[in-house]
Each structure stands twice: as C-alpha cells, then as structure tokens.
Protein backbone atom coordinates (compact mmCIF):
# COMPACT_ATOMS: atom_id res chain seq x y z
CA MET A 1 105.10 111.05 96.20
CA LYS A 2 105.97 108.80 93.31
CA ILE A 3 105.54 105.29 92.11
CA LEU A 4 108.51 102.97 91.55
CA LYS A 5 107.66 100.05 89.23
CA PHE A 6 110.00 97.08 89.10
CA THR A 7 109.50 94.89 86.06
CA ALA A 8 111.26 92.66 83.53
CA PRO A 9 110.86 92.07 79.80
CA TRP A 10 110.57 88.30 80.46
CA CYS A 11 107.81 88.69 83.14
CA ALA A 12 104.38 87.43 81.90
CA PRO A 13 102.41 89.14 84.61
CA CYS A 14 104.26 92.44 83.90
CA LYS A 15 103.27 92.14 80.24
CA ALA A 16 99.64 91.42 81.06
CA MET A 17 99.44 94.34 83.46
CA SER A 18 101.16 96.76 81.00
CA VAL A 19 97.99 96.72 78.89
CA TYR A 20 96.23 99.03 81.46
CA TRP A 21 99.06 100.31 83.53
CA ASP A 22 99.60 103.53 81.49
CA GLU A 23 95.85 104.29 81.64
CA ALA A 24 95.69 103.77 85.34
CA VAL A 25 98.77 105.90 85.95
CA GLN A 26 97.42 108.76 83.82
CA THR A 27 94.42 109.02 86.15
CA SER A 28 96.72 109.49 89.15
CA THR A 29 98.88 112.44 90.14
CA PHE A 30 102.04 110.40 90.66
CA ASP A 31 105.32 110.59 88.89
CA VAL A 32 106.51 107.15 87.84
CA GLU A 33 109.98 105.64 87.69
CA GLU A 34 110.21 102.16 86.11
CA PHE A 35 113.19 99.85 86.60
CA ASN A 36 114.10 96.68 84.71
CA VAL A 37 115.20 94.41 87.48
CA ASP A 38 117.89 92.87 85.26
CA ASP A 39 119.58 96.34 84.89
CA ASN A 40 119.11 97.71 88.35
CA PRO A 41 120.49 95.42 90.98
CA ASP A 42 121.20 98.32 93.32
CA LYS A 43 117.57 99.31 93.42
CA LEU A 44 116.47 95.72 94.02
CA GLN A 45 118.69 95.63 97.07
CA LYS A 46 117.72 99.03 98.35
CA TYR A 47 114.09 98.28 98.22
CA ASN A 48 114.40 94.57 98.96
CA ILE A 49 112.56 93.57 95.74
CA LYS A 50 112.14 89.76 95.57
CA SER A 51 109.67 89.36 92.63
CA VAL A 52 108.15 91.18 89.74
CA PRO A 53 106.05 93.06 89.14
CA THR A 54 106.38 95.10 92.31
CA MET A 55 105.21 98.61 92.65
CA LEU A 56 106.05 100.97 95.45
CA ILE A 57 104.49 104.29 96.47
CA VAL A 58 107.37 106.30 98.07
CA ASP A 59 107.41 109.76 99.62
CA ASP A 60 109.77 112.53 98.56
CA GLU A 61 112.59 111.04 100.63
CA GLY A 62 112.19 107.61 99.11
CA VAL A 63 110.57 106.12 102.16
CA VAL A 64 108.13 103.35 101.12
CA LEU A 65 104.52 104.18 102.10
CA SER A 66 102.81 101.16 100.38
CA ASN A 67 103.80 98.31 98.06
CA LYS A 68 102.01 95.79 95.89
CA THR A 69 103.52 92.68 94.27
CA GLY A 70 102.07 90.65 91.54
CA SER A 71 99.74 91.50 88.71
CA LEU A 72 96.88 93.85 89.66
CA SER A 73 93.69 94.55 87.78
CA ARG A 74 92.92 98.00 86.41
CA GLN A 75 90.51 98.54 89.28
CA GLN A 76 92.94 97.37 91.98
CA LEU A 77 95.54 99.92 90.55
CA THR A 78 93.05 102.68 90.44
CA ASP A 79 91.82 101.94 94.01
CA TRP A 80 95.44 101.73 95.28
CA PHE A 81 96.37 105.07 93.66
CA ALA A 82 93.15 106.67 95.11
CA GLU A 83 94.35 105.76 98.66
CA PHE A 84 97.29 108.13 98.16
CA LYS A 85 95.80 111.01 96.27
CA GLU A 86 97.82 114.14 96.88
C-alpha cells in the first residue's frame, strides 16, 4: 500500500497541513508519492481528483482503498493511517 498525495504550491490548506504531514507519514509504514496537480493532469483524471489537498491510500495495483480531501489535523492523519496499518 502507498499514499498518493495531490497538492499544489498555491493551495493554502496544503501549506498548512505540510507543517505536520512529514511527521505523520514517518509514523506510518506507507510509501508516499506526491503530485503537483498543475504538473500531473493524467493522474488527476485517473484518480478523479477535483480539489486539493487530496490523499489516497492505494493497494499495490493502484486501487483506491480510502481517500481524504481537505486539510486534516495531525491526529486525523495519524488515525487514518492507523486504519490501514500493514
């Protein structure tokens, strides 16, 4: 499993969440791929991304198991990751 994070440099909620994103991810066992939505229109279409930030947990075949859109707190991220511990 891995996390796909869709973000943009102009996104205020993305910037706010970035303060604790790295810390929350380090406590998980997920690999992370980050995509700038301005540079990855193919990924936006593939995963039907409509707003940022959007985070997806996908399995090894790229099937979406769970998604979250909007700014999440540190605790919300940690709790979400814990639901999918490997």
